[in-house]
Amino acid sequence: MRILTMAEPETPPGLRAQVQALQDRAWPGGGPHDPALRPVAMLLVGDDGGVRAALDILSKEITHAGRTYRASGLSAVVTDTAHRGKGYGRQLVAAAREAIAANGTDLALFTCDRPLQGFYESAGWQALPGTVLIGGTPRDPFPSDRPGFDKVTMGAFFTARARSDADAFEQSRIGLYPGEIDRLW
């Protein structure tokens, strides 16, 4: 097994097709990410060249509580159904956390379905109680606590400044505003 990390547009066509097929099964009708979010693809690839798990890392600056931060988040995390239960997803999600920490990002934030909270915690992420991410745009917000959603906000604080400000991210509404394409990463 090996983990490949590359700018999403640079993903080789054969691998991209495999990832797209996995994502289409999980979220039919999805498409490419907004280039403004600098999407990075991370793939866990078997010795046979088959994609076992994939995710995308999206990044942008956010302002919260009057301070600006370099933020990233996980998007489109998926494991091939034929290979679930083998730890591949956890391995990739943990590697993504390490990659985000290594690139100078202040913090990472994303949402997941409530039943997946333990999975992400087992890969080093922490739940942010009462925290709501507001996606979309300021004129057309898309909050993670909207009716019909059962989301938990997960996060990690990498820089000293972000760690010292971590309490400001709990029990709060955070204007992520990734845009109209990736309404909520």
C-alpha atoms as a PDB file:
ATOM      1  CA  MET A   1       0.000   0.000   0.000  1.00  0.00           C
ATOM      2  CA  ARG A   2       1.128   3.511  -0.701  1.00  0.00           C
ATOM      3  CA  ILE A   3      -0.379   6.946  -0.190  1.00  0.00           C
ATOM      4  CA  LEU A   4      -0.262   9.334  -3.120  1.00  0.00           C
ATOM      5  CA  THR A   5      -0.761  13.053  -2.558  1.00  0.00           C
ATOM      6  CA  MET A   6      -1.147  15.517  -5.424  1.00  0.00           C
ATOM      7  CA  ALA A   7      -3.028  18.588  -6.527  1.00  0.00           C
ATOM      8  CA  GLU A   8      -6.427  17.256  -7.588  1.00  0.00           C
ATOM      9  CA  PRO A   9      -6.084  18.407 -11.228  1.00  0.00           C
ATOM     10  CA  GLU A  10      -2.776  16.494 -11.489  1.00  0.00           C
ATOM     11  CA  THR A  11      -4.300  13.132 -10.542  1.00  0.00           C
ATOM     12  CA  PRO A  12      -3.486  10.640 -13.325  1.00  0.00           C
ATOM     13  CA  PRO A  13      -6.601   9.847 -15.401  1.00  0.00           C
ATOM     14  CA  GLY A  14      -6.745   6.153 -14.429  1.00  0.00           C
ATOM     15  CA  LEU A  15      -6.625   6.922 -10.721  1.00  0.00           C
ATOM     16  CA  ARG A  16      -9.027   9.839 -11.114  1.00  0.00           C
ATOM     17  CA  ALA A  17     -11.556   7.536 -12.811  1.00  0.00           C
ATOM     18  CA  GLN A  18     -11.326   5.069  -9.915  1.00  0.00           C
ATOM     19  CA  VAL A  19     -11.787   7.827  -7.337  1.00  0.00           C
ATOM     20  CA  GLN A  20     -14.714   9.292  -9.265  1.00  0.00           C
ATOM     21  CA  ALA A  21     -16.405   5.876  -9.374  1.00  0.00           C
ATOM     22  CA  LEU A  22     -16.018   5.484  -5.587  1.00  0.00           C
ATOM     23  CA  GLN A  23     -17.325   8.999  -4.967  1.00  0.00           C
ATOM     24  CA  ASP A  24     -20.237   8.551  -7.388  1.00  0.00           C
ATOM     25  CA  ARG A  25     -21.359   5.458  -5.466  1.00  0.00           C
ATOM     26  CA  ALA A  26     -21.233   7.383  -2.182  1.00  0.00           C
ATOM     27  CA  TRP A  27     -22.546  10.758  -3.416  1.00  0.00           C
ATOM     28  CA  PRO A  28     -24.188  10.534  -6.847  1.00  0.00           C
ATOM     29  CA  GLY A  29     -24.039  13.735  -8.852  1.00  0.00           C
ATOM     30  CA  GLY A  30     -20.957  15.209  -7.190  1.00  0.00           C
ATOM     31  CA  GLY A  31     -18.348  16.922  -9.270  1.00  0.00           C
ATOM     32  CA  PRO A  32     -14.942  18.516  -9.134  1.00  0.00           C
ATOM     33  CA  HIS A  33     -14.045  20.918  -6.348  1.00  0.00           C
ATOM     34  CA  ASP A  34     -13.778  24.671  -6.682  1.00  0.00           C
ATOM     35  CA  PRO A  35     -10.168  25.392  -7.804  1.00  0.00           C
ATOM     36  CA  ALA A  36     -10.152  28.406  -5.446  1.00  0.00           C
ATOM     37  CA  LEU A  37     -10.057  25.910  -2.546  1.00  0.00           C
ATOM     38  CA  ARG A  38      -6.775  24.444  -3.827  1.00  0.00           C
ATOM     39  CA  PRO A  39      -7.989  20.819  -3.747  1.00  0.00           C
ATOM     40  CA  VAL A  40      -5.406  18.171  -2.951  1.00  0.00           C
ATOM     41  CA  ALA A  41      -6.189  14.499  -3.544  1.00  0.00           C
ATOM     42  CA  MET A  42      -4.902  11.807  -1.200  1.00  0.00           C
ATOM     43  CA  LEU A  43      -5.238   8.225  -2.365  1.00  0.00           C
ATOM     44  CA  LEU A  44      -4.426   4.938  -0.684  1.00  0.00           C
ATOM     45  CA  VAL A  45      -3.417   2.671  -3.556  1.00  0.00           C
ATOM     46  CA  GLY A  46      -2.820  -1.085  -3.392  1.00  0.00           C
ATOM     47  CA  ASP A  47       0.073  -2.892  -5.021  1.00  0.00           C
ATOM     48  CA  ASP A  48      -2.283  -3.778  -7.877  1.00  0.00           C
ATOM     49  CA  GLY A  49      -2.889  -0.069  -8.626  1.00  0.00           C
ATOM     50  CA  GLY A  50      -6.423  -0.145  -7.219  1.00  0.00           C
ATOM     51  CA  VAL A  51      -7.625   2.795  -5.124  1.00  0.00           C
ATOM     52  CA  ARG A  52      -8.662   1.475  -1.706  1.00  0.00           C
ATOM     53  CA  ALA A  53      -9.559   4.836  -0.142  1.00  0.00           C
ATOM     54  CA  ALA A  54      -9.525   8.477  -1.191  1.00  0.00           C
ATOM     55  CA  LEU A  55     -10.140  11.919   0.207  1.00  0.00           C
ATOM     56  CA  ASP A  56      -9.650  15.518  -0.778  1.00  0.00           C
ATOM     57  CA  ILE A  57      -8.184  18.333   1.296  1.00  0.00           C
ATOM     58  CA  LEU A  58      -9.624  21.786   0.664  1.00  0.00           C
ATOM     59  CA  SER A  59      -8.007  24.968   1.983  1.00  0.00           C
ATOM     60  CA  LYS A  60      -8.711  28.666   2.399  1.00  0.00           C
ATOM     61  CA  GLU A  61      -8.286  31.493   4.850  1.00  0.00           C
ATOM     62  CA  ILE A  62     -11.097  32.013   7.335  1.00  0.00           C
ATOM     63  CA  THR A  63     -11.793  34.725   9.865  1.00  0.00           C
ATOM     64  CA  HIS A  64     -13.193  33.755  13.244  1.00  0.00           C
ATOM     65  CA  ALA A  65     -13.514  35.871  16.384  1.00  0.00           C
ATOM     66  CA  GLY A  66     -11.673  38.689  14.622  1.00  0.00           C
ATOM     67  CA  ARG A  67      -8.616  36.617  13.694  1.00  0.00           C
ATOM     68  CA  THR A  68      -7.583  35.154  10.342  1.00  0.00           C
ATOM     69  CA  TYR A  69      -6.414  31.555  10.043  1.00  0.00           C
ATOM     70  CA  ARG A  70      -5.096  29.265   7.317  1.00  0.00           C
ATOM     71  CA  ALA A  71      -7.688  26.493   7.391  1.00  0.00           C
ATOM     72  CA  SER A  72      -8.108  23.157   5.668  1.00  0.00           C
ATOM     73  CA  GLY A  73     -10.733  20.463   5.814  1.00  0.00           C
ATOM     74  CA  LEU A  74     -11.435  16.963   4.605  1.00  0.00           C
ATOM     75  CA  SER A  75     -13.914  16.364   1.814  1.00  0.00           C
ATOM     76  CA  ALA A  76     -15.227  13.348  -0.074  1.00  0.00           C
ATOM     77  CA  VAL A  77     -13.680  10.744   2.243  1.00  0.00           C
ATOM     78  CA  VAL A  78     -14.489   7.334   0.796  1.00  0.00           C
ATOM     79  CA  THR A  79     -13.302   3.737   1.088  1.00  0.00           C
ATOM     80  CA  ASP A  80     -13.994   1.107  -1.550  1.00  0.00           C
ATOM     81  CA  THR A  81     -16.846  -1.023  -0.163  1.00  0.00           C
ATOM     82  CA  ALA A  82     -14.922  -4.195  -1.041  1.00  0.00           C
ATOM     83  CA  HIS A  83     -12.091  -3.069   1.262  1.00  0.00           C
ATOM     84  CA  ARG A  84     -13.956  -1.616   4.245  1.00  0.00           C
ATOM     85  CA  GLY A  85     -13.125  -2.832   7.728  1.00  0.00           C
ATOM     86  CA  LYS A  86      -9.407  -3.191   6.993  1.00  0.00           C
ATOM     87  CA  GLY A  87      -8.307   0.155   8.452  1.00  0.00           C
ATOM     88  CA  TYR A  88      -7.590   1.756   5.075  1.00  0.00           C
ATOM     89  CA  GLY A  89      -9.869   4.739   5.639  1.00  0.00           C
ATOM     90  CA  ARG A  90      -8.459   5.362   9.104  1.00  0.00           C
ATOM     91  CA  GLN A  91      -4.899   5.127   7.747  1.00  0.00           C
ATOM     92  CA  LEU A  92      -5.667   7.705   5.052  1.00  0.00           C
ATOM     93  CA  VAL A  93      -7.558  10.081   7.358  1.00  0.00           C
ATOM     94  CA  ALA A  94      -4.678   9.986   9.874  1.00  0.00           C
ATOM     95  CA  ALA A  95      -2.173  10.641   7.073  1.00  0.00           C
ATOM     96  CA  ALA A  96      -4.269  13.602   5.918  1.00  0.00           C
ATOM     97  CA  ARG A  97      -4.110  15.077   9.413  1.00  0.00           C
ATOM     98  CA  GLU A  98      -0.316  14.757   9.366  1.00  0.00           C
ATOM     99  CA  ALA A  99      -0.083  16.270   5.864  1.00  0.00           C
ATOM    100  CA  ILE A 100      -2.221  19.256   6.830  1.00  0.00           C
ATOM    101  CA  ALA A 101      -0.133  19.828   9.973  1.00  0.00           C
ATOM    102  CA  ALA A 102       3.087  19.678   7.956  1.00  0.00           C
ATOM    103  CA  ASN A 103       2.062  22.299   5.388  1.00  0.00           C
ATOM    104  CA  GLY A 104       1.845  25.262   7.764  1.00  0.00           C
ATOM    105  CA  THR A 105      -1.935  25.275   8.135  1.00  0.00           C
ATOM    106  CA  ASP A 106      -3.170  26.791  11.395  1.00  0.00           C
ATOM    107  CA  LEU A 107      -6.154  24.513  11.835  1.00  0.00           C
ATOM    108  CA  ALA A 108      -8.447  22.023  10.165  1.00  0.00           C
ATOM    109  CA  LEU A 109     -12.233  21.904  10.403  1.00  0.00           C
ATOM    110  CA  PHE A 110     -14.809  19.702   8.724  1.00  0.00           C
ATOM    111  CA  THR A 111     -18.109  18.022   9.434  1.00  0.00           C
ATOM    112  CA  CYS A 112     -19.032  14.369   9.426  1.00  0.00           C
ATOM    113  CA  ASP A 113     -22.165  12.370  10.027  1.00  0.00           C
ATOM    114  CA  ARG A 114     -22.587  11.835  13.774  1.00  0.00           C
ATOM    115  CA  PRO A 115     -22.084   8.030  13.569  1.00  0.00           C
ATOM    116  CA  LEU A 116     -18.596   8.645  12.074  1.00  0.00           C
ATOM    117  CA  GLN A 117     -17.331  10.756  14.985  1.00  0.00           C
ATOM    118  CA  GLY A 118     -15.543   7.814  16.640  1.00  0.00           C
ATOM    119  CA  PHE A 119     -13.884   6.855  13.354  1.00  0.00           C
ATOM    120  CA  TYR A 120     -12.364  10.327  12.955  1.00  0.00           C
ATOM    121  CA  GLU A 121     -11.390  10.505  16.636  1.00  0.00           C
ATOM    122  CA  SER A 122      -9.540   7.189  16.246  1.00  0.00           C
ATOM    123  CA  ALA A 123      -7.474   8.852  13.498  1.00  0.00           C
ATOM    124  CA  GLY A 124      -6.435  11.782  15.704  1.00  0.00           C
ATOM    125  CA  TRP A 125      -9.196  14.326  15.084  1.00  0.00           C
ATOM    126  CA  GLN A 126     -11.208  15.906  17.897  1.00  0.00           C
ATOM    127  CA  ALA A 127     -14.901  16.710  18.090  1.00  0.00           C
ATOM    128  CA  LEU A 128     -15.743  20.378  18.674  1.00  0.00           C
ATOM    129  CA  PRO A 129     -18.888  20.299  20.838  1.00  0.00           C
ATOM    130  CA  GLY A 130     -21.645  22.654  19.768  1.00  0.00           C
ATOM    131  CA  THR A 131     -19.653  23.986  16.822  1.00  0.00           C
ATOM    132  CA  VAL A 132     -21.470  24.723  13.576  1.00  0.00           C
ATOM    133  CA  LEU A 133     -19.722  25.346  10.268  1.00  0.00           C
ATOM    134  CA  ILE A 134     -21.480  27.777   7.985  1.00  0.00           C
ATOM    135  CA  GLY A 135     -20.859  26.901   4.385  1.00  0.00           C
ATOM    136  CA  GLY A 136     -22.144  28.382   1.164  1.00  0.00           C
ATOM    137  CA  THR A 137     -21.651  32.117   0.891  1.00  0.00           C
ATOM    138  CA  PRO A 138     -22.508  35.019   3.210  1.00  0.00           C
ATOM    139  CA  ARG A 139     -25.502  35.807   0.931  1.00  0.00           C
ATOM    140  CA  ASP A 140     -26.568  32.145   0.720  1.00  0.00           C
ATOM    141  CA  PRO A 141     -25.368  30.439   3.912  1.00  0.00           C
ATOM    142  CA  PHE A 142     -25.426  26.652   4.318  1.00  0.00           C
ATOM    143  CA  PRO A 143     -25.067  25.830   8.041  1.00  0.00           C
ATOM    144  CA  SER A 144     -24.142  22.347   9.235  1.00  0.00           C
ATOM    145  CA  ASP A 145     -27.011  22.433  11.766  1.00  0.00           C
ATOM    146  CA  ARG A 146     -29.720  22.892   9.150  1.00  0.00           C
ATOM    147  CA  PRO A 147     -32.824  20.696   9.476  1.00  0.00           C
ATOM    148  CA  GLY A 148     -32.279  17.129   8.341  1.00  0.00           C
ATOM    149  CA  PHE A 149     -28.539  17.188   9.020  1.00  0.00           C
ATOM    150  CA  ASP A 150     -26.990  15.275  11.903  1.00  0.00           C
ATOM    151  CA  LYS A 151     -23.440  16.548  11.690  1.00  0.00           C
ATOM    152  CA  VAL A 152     -20.553  16.816  14.112  1.00  0.00           C
ATOM    153  CA  THR A 153     -17.751  19.311  13.571  1.00  0.00           C
ATOM    154  CA  MET A 154     -14.287  17.793  13.806  1.00  0.00           C
ATOM    155  CA  GLY A 155     -11.057  19.717  14.058  1.00  0.00           C
ATOM    156  CA  ALA A 156      -7.379  19.939  14.862  1.00  0.00           C
ATOM    157  CA  PHE A 157      -5.225  22.895  15.860  1.00  0.00           C
ATOM    158  CA  PHE A 158      -1.673  22.809  14.544  1.00  0.00           C
ATOM    159  CA  THR A 159       0.078  26.122  15.176  1.00  0.00           C
ATOM    160  CA  ALA A 160       0.762  27.589  18.608  1.00  0.00           C
ATOM    161  CA  ARG A 161      -1.572  30.500  17.843  1.00  0.00           C
ATOM    162  CA  ALA A 162      -4.388  28.183  16.772  1.00  0.00           C
ATOM    163  CA  ARG A 163      -3.915  25.976  19.839  1.00  0.00           C
ATOM    164  CA  SER A 164      -4.082  29.016  22.121  1.00  0.00           C
ATOM    165  CA  ASP A 165      -7.311  30.125  20.377  1.00  0.00           C
ATOM    166  CA  ALA A 166      -8.895  26.643  20.272  1.00  0.00           C
ATOM    167  CA  ASP A 167     -11.528  27.424  22.918  1.00  0.00           C
ATOM    168  CA  ALA A 168     -12.962  30.133  20.638  1.00  0.00           C
ATOM    169  CA  PHE A 169     -13.918  27.403  18.149  1.00  0.00           C
ATOM    170  CA  GLU A 170     -16.078  25.370  20.546  1.00  0.00           C
ATOM    171  CA  GLN A 171     -19.773  26.168  20.967  1.00  0.00           C
ATOM    172  CA  SER A 172     -19.555  28.643  18.102  1.00  0.00           C
ATOM    173  CA  ARG A 173     -20.719  29.287  14.574  1.00  0.00           C
ATOM    174  CA  ILE A 174     -17.789  29.486  12.174  1.00  0.00           C
ATOM    175  CA  GLY A 175     -18.120  31.232   8.821  1.00  0.00           C
ATOM    176  CA  LEU A 176     -16.323  28.806   6.534  1.00  0.00           C
ATOM    177  CA  TYR A 177     -17.996  30.084   3.339  1.00  0.00           C
ATOM    178  CA  PRO A 178     -16.276  27.835   0.774  1.00  0.00           C
ATOM    179  CA  GLY A 179     -18.572  29.103  -1.998  1.00  0.00           C
ATOM    180  CA  GLU A 180     -21.303  27.777  -4.237  1.00  0.00           C
ATOM    181  CA  ILE A 181     -19.543  24.690  -5.639  1.00  0.00           C
ATOM    182  CA  ASP A 182     -18.348  23.142  -2.374  1.00  0.00           C
ATOM    183  CA  ARG A 183     -21.167  24.356  -0.184  1.00  0.00           C
ATOM    184  CA  LEU A 184     -19.771  22.627   2.889  1.00  0.00           C
ATOM    185  CA  TRP A 185     -16.521  20.754   2.928  1.00  0.00           C
END
